[in-house]
Amino acid sequence: MEILENYRDNEQLRNEFFLFTKKVFPSIGFDEWYRRGFWKVEYVPYSIVEDGRIASNVSMSRMTILVDGVPVRGAQVGTVGTLPEYRGRGYSRILMEHVLGKYESETDFIFLFANETVLDFYPKFGFEAREEVNFVSKSDIPRSAYAARRLDIGSESDFAIIARLVEGRRDLTRLFGARSYGFITLWHVLNIFPRHLLYLPESDIIIIASEAQGCLHVWDVIYGEPFEIFSVLLRIIERNDITSIMYHFPPDVLNFDYDETEVDTDSGLFVRGSFGLKGRQFKFPVTAQT
């Protein structure tokens, strides 16, 4: 058993990583993300390898994090998992101790987003759970004046629009946000939101949004120039049965109005290290999460 790291450019290990992630996380993939050139040096896997197979993994992404508008050095934990046949051997613990030893002296804080099955695992390593909220508007819902075009990630020209705007995007939030995380956003584009990319050519803005049970979920807004969000929303709403809008980011930058907040019970945010914002309501950008 050995721990291997930072093997992006090793074809054999890279392909083993692709096989590993498909087995542990069947609904997502990393191969196309790599093929399109978005696996950047900031994303580093740390893997336990046995007999040439990746048995367990913890990945780290170095990021510039904004906390109340101040840039700090951050690292995000992600892609944590172990193949079923290797579970129960403490491999995730070994890897967590390994990466924390490498990163804690080089960063201001480390954070992650856990699923509900491992919420009792991360506090063992000094992580503390933090509450996130979504921001909900139930009044003054704009009437539909749909004018958006759905982007096709299979189209070379459409993907060029996505990559260009992601590269030059402005801050979505400065309360608890990030900068220069386009490589993560493009993973979400390929895996999570490929059918929810709404483009407004006249404004040169991409809104990642979906409609469900009368609610418009606004997951991300990718833009380069200032704009008025109400005038944008009416052009992405397809039907007039929308009764609420849920913003999955706070209003500190885009200045939208909201009526209430809802605790994001699916968040699973854990933080280790110096982190303020006590008593503040925030939501880390969805497309910056690993």
C-alpha atoms as a PDB file:
ATOM      1  CA  MET A   1       0.000   0.000   0.000  1.00  0.00           C
ATOM      2  CA  GLU A   2       1.341   3.446  -0.949  1.00  0.00           C
ATOM      3  CA  ILE A   3       0.046   6.998  -1.285  1.00  0.00           C
ATOM      4  CA  LEU A   4       0.504   8.550  -4.717  1.00  0.00           C
ATOM      5  CA  GLU A   5      -0.280  12.165  -5.515  1.00  0.00           C
ATOM      6  CA  ASN A   6      -0.372  14.719  -8.303  1.00  0.00           C
ATOM      7  CA  TYR A   7      -0.321  12.133 -11.089  1.00  0.00           C
ATOM      8  CA  ARG A   8      -2.442  14.012 -13.613  1.00  0.00           C
ATOM      9  CA  ASP A   9       0.185  13.591 -16.339  1.00  0.00           C
ATOM     10  CA  ASN A  10       0.726   9.870 -15.688  1.00  0.00           C
ATOM     11  CA  GLU A  11      -1.575   8.161 -18.195  1.00  0.00           C
ATOM     12  CA  GLN A  12      -1.826   4.847 -16.365  1.00  0.00           C
ATOM     13  CA  LEU A  13      -2.643   6.359 -12.969  1.00  0.00           C
ATOM     14  CA  ARG A  14      -4.920   8.966 -14.545  1.00  0.00           C
ATOM     15  CA  ASN A  15      -6.949   6.211 -16.204  1.00  0.00           C
ATOM     16  CA  GLU A  16      -7.066   4.326 -12.894  1.00  0.00           C
ATOM     17  CA  PHE A  17      -8.451   7.492 -11.300  1.00  0.00           C
ATOM     18  CA  PHE A  18     -11.167   7.656 -13.971  1.00  0.00           C
ATOM     19  CA  LEU A  19     -12.093   4.008 -13.263  1.00  0.00           C
ATOM     20  CA  PHE A  20     -12.087   4.629  -9.521  1.00  0.00           C
ATOM     21  CA  THR A  21     -14.364   7.671  -9.672  1.00  0.00           C
ATOM     22  CA  LYS A  22     -16.836   5.915 -11.974  1.00  0.00           C
ATOM     23  CA  LYS A  23     -17.148   3.066  -9.464  1.00  0.00           C
ATOM     24  CA  VAL A  24     -17.426   5.254  -6.360  1.00  0.00           C
ATOM     25  CA  PHE A  25     -19.415   8.100  -7.970  1.00  0.00           C
ATOM     26  CA  PRO A  26     -21.331   6.442 -10.845  1.00  0.00           C
ATOM     27  CA  SER A  27     -23.268   9.538 -11.918  1.00  0.00           C
ATOM     28  CA  ILE A  28     -20.232  11.761 -12.544  1.00  0.00           C
ATOM     29  CA  GLY A  29     -16.970  11.582 -14.436  1.00  0.00           C
ATOM     30  CA  PHE A  30     -13.593  13.242 -14.758  1.00  0.00           C
ATOM     31  CA  ASP A  31     -12.342  11.951 -18.117  1.00  0.00           C
ATOM     32  CA  GLU A  32     -14.041  14.510 -20.350  1.00  0.00           C
ATOM     33  CA  TRP A  33     -13.064  17.261 -17.918  1.00  0.00           C
ATOM     34  CA  TYR A  34      -9.441  16.214 -18.393  1.00  0.00           C
ATOM     35  CA  ARG A  35      -9.788  15.733 -22.150  1.00  0.00           C
ATOM     36  CA  ARG A  36     -11.071  19.275 -22.588  1.00  0.00           C
ATOM     37  CA  GLY A  37      -8.083  20.637 -20.659  1.00  0.00           C
ATOM     38  CA  PHE A  38      -9.800  21.698 -17.423  1.00  0.00           C
ATOM     39  CA  TRP A  39      -7.988  19.460 -14.939  1.00  0.00           C
ATOM     40  CA  LYS A  40      -5.676  22.192 -13.690  1.00  0.00           C
ATOM     41  CA  VAL A  41      -2.671  21.895 -11.367  1.00  0.00           C
ATOM     42  CA  GLU A  42      -4.759  23.298  -8.492  1.00  0.00           C
ATOM     43  CA  TYR A  43      -6.702  20.003  -8.336  1.00  0.00           C
ATOM     44  CA  VAL A  44      -4.504  17.305  -6.792  1.00  0.00           C
ATOM     45  CA  PRO A  45      -5.646  13.739  -6.009  1.00  0.00           C
ATOM     46  CA  TYR A  46      -4.031  11.811  -3.157  1.00  0.00           C
ATOM     47  CA  SER A  47      -4.658   8.113  -3.615  1.00  0.00           C
ATOM     48  CA  ILE A  48      -3.880   4.872  -1.846  1.00  0.00           C
ATOM     49  CA  VAL A  49      -2.834   2.363  -4.495  1.00  0.00           C
ATOM     50  CA  GLU A  50      -2.804  -1.401  -4.046  1.00  0.00           C
ATOM     51  CA  ASP A  51      -1.704  -3.796  -6.772  1.00  0.00           C
ATOM     52  CA  GLY A  52      -1.904  -0.988  -9.326  1.00  0.00           C
ATOM     53  CA  ARG A  53      -5.485  -0.081  -8.414  1.00  0.00           C
ATOM     54  CA  ILE A  54      -6.634   3.104  -6.727  1.00  0.00           C
ATOM     55  CA  ALA A  55      -8.347   1.829  -3.587  1.00  0.00           C
ATOM     56  CA  SER A  56      -9.106   5.144  -1.857  1.00  0.00           C
ATOM     57  CA  ASN A  57      -8.814   8.846  -2.641  1.00  0.00           C
ATOM     58  CA  VAL A  58      -8.943  12.340  -1.175  1.00  0.00           C
ATOM     59  CA  SER A  59      -8.448  15.281  -3.537  1.00  0.00           C
ATOM     60  CA  MET A  60      -7.449  18.840  -2.664  1.00  0.00           C
ATOM     61  CA  SER A  61      -8.070  22.043  -4.617  1.00  0.00           C
ATOM     62  CA  ARG A  62      -6.104  25.171  -3.777  1.00  0.00           C
ATOM     63  CA  MET A  63      -8.350  28.219  -4.058  1.00  0.00           C
ATOM     64  CA  THR A  64      -8.372  31.944  -3.392  1.00  0.00           C
ATOM     65  CA  ILE A  65     -11.325  32.311  -1.044  1.00  0.00           C
ATOM     66  CA  LEU A  66     -13.180  35.504  -0.240  1.00  0.00           C
ATOM     67  CA  VAL A  67     -14.342  35.861   3.365  1.00  0.00           C
ATOM     68  CA  ASP A  68     -16.265  39.085   3.916  1.00  0.00           C
ATOM     69  CA  GLY A  69     -14.488  40.545   0.884  1.00  0.00           C
ATOM     70  CA  VAL A  70     -10.971  39.616   2.026  1.00  0.00           C
ATOM     71  CA  PRO A  71      -8.958  37.172  -0.146  1.00  0.00           C
ATOM     72  CA  VAL A  72      -7.434  34.324   1.874  1.00  0.00           C
ATOM     73  CA  ARG A  73      -5.570  31.115   1.071  1.00  0.00           C
ATOM     74  CA  GLY A  74      -7.970  28.192   1.045  1.00  0.00           C
ATOM     75  CA  ALA A  75      -8.014  24.526   0.162  1.00  0.00           C
ATOM     76  CA  GLN A  76     -11.117  22.468  -0.540  1.00  0.00           C
ATOM     77  CA  VAL A  77     -11.371  18.737   0.100  1.00  0.00           C
ATOM     78  CA  GLY A  78     -13.271  16.685  -2.472  1.00  0.00           C
ATOM     79  CA  THR A  79     -13.624  13.322  -4.254  1.00  0.00           C
ATOM     80  CA  VAL A  80     -13.358  11.438  -0.956  1.00  0.00           C
ATOM     81  CA  GLY A  81     -14.120   7.753  -1.314  1.00  0.00           C
ATOM     82  CA  THR A  82     -12.972   4.145  -1.086  1.00  0.00           C
ATOM     83  CA  LEU A  83     -13.802   1.155  -3.278  1.00  0.00           C
ATOM     84  CA  PRO A  84     -16.246  -1.179  -1.497  1.00  0.00           C
ATOM     85  CA  GLU A  85     -13.773  -4.052  -1.277  1.00  0.00           C
ATOM     86  CA  TYR A  86     -11.231  -1.858   0.551  1.00  0.00           C
ATOM     87  CA  ARG A  87     -13.561  -0.242   3.072  1.00  0.00           C
ATOM     88  CA  GLY A  88     -13.067  -0.771   6.788  1.00  0.00           C
ATOM     89  CA  ARG A  89      -9.272  -0.475   6.603  1.00  0.00           C
ATOM     90  CA  GLY A  90      -9.044   3.172   7.669  1.00  0.00           C
ATOM     91  CA  TYR A  91      -7.822   4.396   4.287  1.00  0.00           C
ATOM     92  CA  SER A  92      -9.898   7.596   4.324  1.00  0.00           C
ATOM     93  CA  ARG A  93      -8.503   8.439   7.762  1.00  0.00           C
ATOM     94  CA  ILE A  94      -4.939   7.838   6.567  1.00  0.00           C
ATOM     95  CA  LEU A  95      -5.464  10.097   3.560  1.00  0.00           C
ATOM     96  CA  MET A  96      -7.180  12.851   5.558  1.00  0.00           C
ATOM     97  CA  GLU A  97      -4.320  12.933   8.051  1.00  0.00           C
ATOM     98  CA  HIS A  98      -1.858  13.002   5.148  1.00  0.00           C
ATOM     99  CA  VAL A  99      -3.424  15.939   3.301  1.00  0.00           C
ATOM    100  CA  LEU A 100      -4.121  17.960   6.442  1.00  0.00           C
ATOM    101  CA  GLY A 101      -0.483  17.616   7.392  1.00  0.00           C
ATOM    102  CA  LYS A 102       0.529  18.999   3.999  1.00  0.00           C
ATOM    103  CA  TYR A 103      -1.976  21.848   3.732  1.00  0.00           C
ATOM    104  CA  GLU A 104      -2.680  23.232   7.185  1.00  0.00           C
ATOM    105  CA  SER A 105       0.530  25.285   7.349  1.00  0.00           C
ATOM    106  CA  GLU A 106       0.041  26.664   3.823  1.00  0.00           C
ATOM    107  CA  THR A 107      -3.582  27.785   4.052  1.00  0.00           C
ATOM    108  CA  ASP A 108      -5.776  29.996   6.204  1.00  0.00           C
ATOM    109  CA  PHE A 109      -8.480  27.381   6.321  1.00  0.00           C
ATOM    110  CA  ILE A 110      -9.622  24.119   4.757  1.00  0.00           C
ATOM    111  CA  PHE A 111     -13.226  23.300   3.939  1.00  0.00           C
ATOM    112  CA  LEU A 112     -15.399  20.662   2.322  1.00  0.00           C
ATOM    113  CA  PHE A 113     -18.965  19.688   1.496  1.00  0.00           C
ATOM    114  CA  ALA A 114     -19.955  16.315   2.958  1.00  0.00           C
ATOM    115  CA  ASN A 115     -22.865  14.073   2.108  1.00  0.00           C
ATOM    116  CA  GLU A 116     -25.238  12.964   4.850  1.00  0.00           C
ATOM    117  CA  THR A 117     -23.621   9.524   5.258  1.00  0.00           C
ATOM    118  CA  VAL A 118     -20.320  10.898   6.626  1.00  0.00           C
ATOM    119  CA  LEU A 119     -21.355  13.879   8.749  1.00  0.00           C
ATOM    120  CA  ASP A 120     -19.801  12.285  11.844  1.00  0.00           C
ATOM    121  CA  PHE A 121     -16.465  11.589  10.103  1.00  0.00           C
ATOM    122  CA  TYR A 122     -15.014  15.055   9.547  1.00  0.00           C
ATOM    123  CA  PRO A 123     -15.337  16.452  13.104  1.00  0.00           C
ATOM    124  CA  LYS A 124     -12.727  13.827  14.078  1.00  0.00           C
ATOM    125  CA  PHE A 125     -10.219  15.934  12.134  1.00  0.00           C
ATOM    126  CA  GLY A 126     -11.125  19.310  13.610  1.00  0.00           C
ATOM    127  CA  PHE A 127     -13.771  20.312  11.061  1.00  0.00           C
ATOM    128  CA  GLU A 128     -16.820  22.222  12.271  1.00  0.00           C
ATOM    129  CA  ALA A 129     -20.213  22.232  10.563  1.00  0.00           C
ATOM    130  CA  ARG A 130     -21.419  25.625   9.308  1.00  0.00           C
ATOM    131  CA  GLU A 131     -24.944  26.514   8.257  1.00  0.00           C
ATOM    132  CA  GLU A 132     -25.685  27.800   4.768  1.00  0.00           C
ATOM    133  CA  VAL A 133     -28.940  29.297   3.526  1.00  0.00           C
ATOM    134  CA  ASN A 134     -30.670  29.930   0.223  1.00  0.00           C
ATOM    135  CA  PHE A 135     -32.449  33.197  -0.493  1.00  0.00           C
ATOM    136  CA  VAL A 136     -36.084  33.061  -1.571  1.00  0.00           C
ATOM    137  CA  SER A 137     -38.248  35.654  -3.286  1.00  0.00           C
ATOM    138  CA  LYS A 138     -42.012  35.120  -3.301  1.00  0.00           C
ATOM    139  CA  SER A 139     -43.141  38.574  -4.363  1.00  0.00           C
ATOM    140  CA  ASP A 140     -42.713  40.618  -7.539  1.00  0.00           C
ATOM    141  CA  ILE A 141     -42.021  37.522  -9.643  1.00  0.00           C
ATOM    142  CA  PRO A 142     -41.353  38.727 -13.195  1.00  0.00           C
ATOM    143  CA  ARG A 143     -43.649  37.635 -16.001  1.00  0.00           C
ATOM    144  CA  SER A 144     -42.137  35.513 -18.701  1.00  0.00           C
ATOM    145  CA  ALA A 145     -40.451  37.324 -21.576  1.00  0.00           C
ATOM    146  CA  TYR A 146     -38.336  34.359 -22.544  1.00  0.00           C
ATOM    147  CA  ALA A 147     -35.441  35.244 -24.806  1.00  0.00           C
ATOM    148  CA  ALA A 148     -32.685  32.853 -23.746  1.00  0.00           C
ATOM    149  CA  ARG A 149     -30.895  30.233 -25.806  1.00  0.00           C
ATOM    150  CA  ARG A 150     -29.957  26.914 -24.246  1.00  0.00           C
ATOM    151  CA  LEU A 151     -26.314  26.203 -24.807  1.00  0.00           C
ATOM    152  CA  ASP A 152     -25.255  22.791 -26.076  1.00  0.00           C
ATOM    153  CA  ILE A 153     -22.018  21.533 -24.497  1.00  0.00           C
ATOM    154  CA  GLY A 154     -21.595  19.273 -27.522  1.00  0.00           C
ATOM    155  CA  SER A 155     -21.347  22.328 -29.791  1.00  0.00           C
ATOM    156  CA  GLU A 156     -17.830  23.646 -30.196  1.00  0.00           C
ATOM    157  CA  SER A 157     -19.047  27.223 -30.631  1.00  0.00           C
ATOM    158  CA  ASP A 158     -21.376  27.041 -27.618  1.00  0.00           C
ATOM    159  CA  PHE A 159     -18.674  25.574 -25.419  1.00  0.00           C
ATOM    160  CA  ALA A 160     -16.345  28.365 -26.489  1.00  0.00           C
ATOM    161  CA  ILE A 161     -18.918  30.864 -25.160  1.00  0.00           C
ATOM    162  CA  ILE A 162     -19.047  28.994 -21.852  1.00  0.00           C
ATOM    163  CA  ALA A 163     -15.268  28.797 -21.478  1.00  0.00           C
ATOM    164  CA  ARG A 164     -14.816  32.479 -22.372  1.00  0.00           C
ATOM    165  CA  LEU A 165     -17.361  33.745 -19.868  1.00  0.00           C
ATOM    166  CA  VAL A 166     -16.177  31.411 -17.115  1.00  0.00           C
ATOM    167  CA  GLU A 167     -12.600  32.602 -17.623  1.00  0.00           C
ATOM    168  CA  GLY A 168     -13.522  36.288 -17.361  1.00  0.00           C
ATOM    169  CA  ARG A 169     -16.346  36.100 -14.839  1.00  0.00           C
ATOM    170  CA  ARG A 170     -16.906  38.613 -12.053  1.00  0.00           C
ATOM    171  CA  ASP A 171     -17.524  37.723  -8.406  1.00  0.00           C
ATOM    172  CA  LEU A 172     -20.847  36.079  -7.652  1.00  0.00           C
ATOM    173  CA  THR A 173     -20.470  36.792  -3.927  1.00  0.00           C
ATOM    174  CA  ARG A 174     -17.747  38.273  -1.753  1.00  0.00           C
ATOM    175  CA  LEU A 175     -19.271  37.231   1.562  1.00  0.00           C
ATOM    176  CA  PHE A 176     -18.032  33.649   1.291  1.00  0.00           C
ATOM    177  CA  GLY A 177     -16.959  33.111  -2.281  1.00  0.00           C
ATOM    178  CA  ALA A 178     -13.976  32.350  -4.463  1.00  0.00           C
ATOM    179  CA  ARG A 179     -11.947  33.580  -7.393  1.00  0.00           C
ATOM    180  CA  SER A 180     -10.304  31.833 -10.350  1.00  0.00           C
ATOM    181  CA  TYR A 181     -12.307  28.636  -9.930  1.00  0.00           C
ATOM    182  CA  GLY A 182     -13.279  28.212 -13.570  1.00  0.00           C
ATOM    183  CA  PHE A 183     -11.791  24.724 -13.712  1.00  0.00           C
ATOM    184  CA  ILE A 184     -14.321  23.647 -11.066  1.00  0.00           C
ATOM    185  CA  THR A 185     -17.240  25.431 -12.738  1.00  0.00           C
ATOM    186  CA  LEU A 186     -16.490  23.637 -15.996  1.00  0.00           C
ATOM    187  CA  TRP A 187     -16.608  20.300 -14.175  1.00  0.00           C
ATOM    188  CA  HIS A 188     -20.128  21.242 -13.007  1.00  0.00           C
ATOM    189  CA  VAL A 189     -21.061  22.308 -16.537  1.00  0.00           C
ATOM    190  CA  LEU A 190     -20.046  18.894 -17.868  1.00  0.00           C
ATOM    191  CA  ASN A 191     -21.458  16.753 -15.053  1.00  0.00           C
ATOM    192  CA  ILE A 192     -24.282  18.529 -13.214  1.00  0.00           C
ATOM    193  CA  PHE A 193     -25.777  21.325 -15.311  1.00  0.00           C
ATOM    194  CA  PRO A 194     -25.277  20.464 -19.005  1.00  0.00           C
ATOM    195  CA  ARG A 195     -28.983  21.056 -19.783  1.00  0.00           C
ATOM    196  CA  HIS A 196     -29.454  24.169 -17.664  1.00  0.00           C
ATOM    197  CA  LEU A 197     -27.180  26.689 -19.369  1.00  0.00           C
ATOM    198  CA  LEU A 198     -29.259  29.670 -20.495  1.00  0.00           C
ATOM    199  CA  TYR A 199     -27.476  32.257 -22.613  1.00  0.00           C
ATOM    200  CA  LEU A 200     -28.613  35.821 -23.287  1.00  0.00           C
ATOM    201  CA  PRO A 201     -26.586  36.965 -26.311  1.00  0.00           C
ATOM    202  CA  GLU A 202     -27.497  40.653 -26.049  1.00  0.00           C
ATOM    203  CA  SER A 203     -26.235  40.768 -22.441  1.00  0.00           C
ATOM    204  CA  ASP A 204     -23.502  38.148 -22.887  1.00  0.00           C
ATOM    205  CA  ILE A 205     -24.585  36.392 -19.688  1.00  0.00           C
ATOM    206  CA  ILE A 206     -25.027  32.714 -18.809  1.00  0.00           C
ATOM    207  CA  ILE A 207     -27.547  31.844 -16.120  1.00  0.00           C
ATOM    208  CA  ILE A 208     -27.543  28.314 -14.760  1.00  0.00           C
ATOM    209  CA  ALA A 209     -31.153  27.789 -13.742  1.00  0.00           C
ATOM    210  CA  SER A 210     -33.886  25.195 -13.490  1.00  0.00           C
ATOM    211  CA  GLU A 211     -37.610  25.209 -12.790  1.00  0.00           C
ATOM    212  CA  ALA A 212     -39.288  22.723 -10.426  1.00  0.00           C
ATOM    213  CA  GLN A 213     -42.714  22.746  -8.738  1.00  0.00           C
ATOM    214  CA  GLY A 214     -43.309  26.414  -9.424  1.00  0.00           C
ATOM    215  CA  CYS A 215     -39.879  27.513  -8.212  1.00  0.00           C
ATOM    216  CA  LEU A 216     -37.119  28.974 -10.360  1.00  0.00           C
ATOM    217  CA  HIS A 217     -33.754  27.835  -8.981  1.00  0.00           C
ATOM    218  CA  VAL A 218     -30.952  30.207  -9.927  1.00  0.00           C
ATOM    219  CA  TRP A 219     -27.732  28.269  -9.350  1.00  0.00           C
ATOM    220  CA  ASP A 220     -25.170  30.587 -10.897  1.00  0.00           C
ATOM    221  CA  VAL A 221     -24.841  33.727 -12.994  1.00  0.00           C
ATOM    222  CA  ILE A 222     -21.723  33.984 -15.148  1.00  0.00           C
ATOM    223  CA  TYR A 223     -21.143  37.510 -16.388  1.00  0.00           C
ATOM    224  CA  GLY A 224     -18.445  40.001 -17.271  1.00  0.00           C
ATOM    225  CA  GLU A 225     -20.208  43.367 -17.125  1.00  0.00           C
ATOM    226  CA  PRO A 226     -22.631  44.787 -14.529  1.00  0.00           C
ATOM    227  CA  PHE A 227     -26.321  44.179 -15.194  1.00  0.00           C
ATOM    228  CA  GLU A 228     -29.743  44.497 -13.567  1.00  0.00           C
ATOM    229  CA  ILE A 229     -30.818  41.043 -12.432  1.00  0.00           C
ATOM    230  CA  PHE A 230     -34.613  41.552 -12.636  1.00  0.00           C
ATOM    231  CA  SER A 231     -34.408  42.343 -16.350  1.00  0.00           C
ATOM    232  CA  VAL A 232     -32.355  39.195 -16.860  1.00  0.00           C
ATOM    233  CA  LEU A 233     -34.649  36.876 -14.928  1.00  0.00           C
ATOM    234  CA  LEU A 234     -37.753  37.717 -16.935  1.00  0.00           C
ATOM    235  CA  ARG A 235     -35.880  36.584 -20.055  1.00  0.00           C
ATOM    236  CA  ILE A 236     -35.047  33.133 -18.670  1.00  0.00           C
ATOM    237  CA  ILE A 237     -38.454  32.259 -17.191  1.00  0.00           C
ATOM    238  CA  GLU A 238     -40.271  29.994 -19.628  1.00  0.00           C
ATOM    239  CA  ARG A 239     -43.702  29.793 -17.983  1.00  0.00           C
ATOM    240  CA  ASN A 240     -45.931  32.098 -15.966  1.00  0.00           C
ATOM    241  CA  ASP A 241     -46.632  29.568 -13.199  1.00  0.00           C
ATOM    242  CA  ILE A 242     -43.481  30.460 -11.271  1.00  0.00           C
ATOM    243  CA  THR A 243     -44.445  31.471  -7.721  1.00  0.00           C
ATOM    244  CA  SER A 244     -40.985  31.751  -6.129  1.00  0.00           C
ATOM    245  CA  ILE A 245     -37.339  32.233  -6.992  1.00  0.00           C
ATOM    246  CA  MET A 246     -34.605  30.534  -4.983  1.00  0.00           C
ATOM    247  CA  TYR A 247     -31.150  32.057  -5.284  1.00  0.00           C
ATOM    248  CA  HIS A 248     -28.343  29.681  -4.370  1.00  0.00           C
ATOM    249  CA  PHE A 249     -26.023  32.577  -3.502  1.00  0.00           C
ATOM    250  CA  PRO A 250     -26.439  35.724  -1.383  1.00  0.00           C
ATOM    251  CA  PRO A 251     -27.418  39.199  -2.657  1.00  0.00           C
ATOM    252  CA  ASP A 252     -24.270  41.076  -1.637  1.00  0.00           C
ATOM    253  CA  VAL A 253     -23.043  41.505  -5.228  1.00  0.00           C
ATOM    254  CA  LEU A 254     -26.081  41.194  -7.518  1.00  0.00           C
ATOM    255  CA  ASN A 255     -28.377  43.146  -5.163  1.00  0.00           C
ATOM    256  CA  PHE A 256     -31.536  41.129  -5.646  1.00  0.00           C
ATOM    257  CA  ASP A 257     -34.519  41.399  -3.310  1.00  0.00           C
ATOM    258  CA  TYR A 258     -35.676  38.394  -1.292  1.00  0.00           C
ATOM    259  CA  ASP A 259     -38.428  37.713   1.232  1.00  0.00           C
ATOM    260  CA  GLU A 260     -36.958  34.943   3.348  1.00  0.00           C
ATOM    261  CA  THR A 261     -34.111  32.498   3.739  1.00  0.00           C
ATOM    262  CA  GLU A 262     -34.216  28.729   3.950  1.00  0.00           C
ATOM    263  CA  VAL A 263     -31.561  26.640   5.647  1.00  0.00           C
ATOM    264  CA  ASP A 264     -29.821  24.488   3.057  1.00  0.00           C
ATOM    265  CA  THR A 265     -30.159  21.105   4.726  1.00  0.00           C
ATOM    266  CA  ASP A 266     -28.209  19.462   1.885  1.00  0.00           C
ATOM    267  CA  SER A 267     -25.198  21.751   2.260  1.00  0.00           C
ATOM    268  CA  GLY A 268     -22.884  19.681   4.448  1.00  0.00           C
ATOM    269  CA  LEU A 269     -20.365  22.511   4.798  1.00  0.00           C
ATOM    270  CA  PHE A 270     -17.483  21.825   7.195  1.00  0.00           C
ATOM    271  CA  VAL A 271     -14.657  24.270   7.911  1.00  0.00           C
ATOM    272  CA  ARG A 272     -11.291  23.777   9.616  1.00  0.00           C
ATOM    273  CA  GLY A 273      -9.255  26.816  10.580  1.00  0.00           C
ATOM    274  CA  SER A 274      -9.815  30.564  10.797  1.00  0.00           C
ATOM    275  CA  PHE A 275     -13.268  31.499   9.507  1.00  0.00           C
ATOM    276  CA  GLY A 276     -15.414  34.457  10.563  1.00  0.00           C
ATOM    277  CA  LEU A 277     -18.956  35.323   9.461  1.00  0.00           C
ATOM    278  CA  LYS A 278     -20.506  34.416  12.796  1.00  0.00           C
ATOM    279  CA  GLY A 279     -24.197  35.250  12.626  1.00  0.00           C
ATOM    280  CA  ARG A 280     -24.031  36.037   8.898  1.00  0.00           C
ATOM    281  CA  GLN A 281     -26.156  34.341   6.238  1.00  0.00           C
ATOM    282  CA  PHE A 282     -24.175  33.049   3.285  1.00  0.00           C
ATOM    283  CA  LYS A 283     -24.020  30.397   0.587  1.00  0.00           C
ATOM    284  CA  PHE A 284     -20.791  29.342  -1.092  1.00  0.00           C
ATOM    285  CA  PRO A 285     -21.160  29.257  -4.908  1.00  0.00           C
ATOM    286  CA  VAL A 286     -22.460  25.878  -6.033  1.00  0.00           C
ATOM    287  CA  THR A 287     -20.205  25.731  -9.090  1.00  0.00           C
ATOM    288  CA  ALA A 288     -17.107  26.303  -6.937  1.00  0.00           C
ATOM    289  CA  GLN A 289     -17.725  23.162  -4.862  1.00  0.00           C
ATOM    290  CA  THR A 290     -15.689  20.014  -5.389  1.00  0.00           C
END
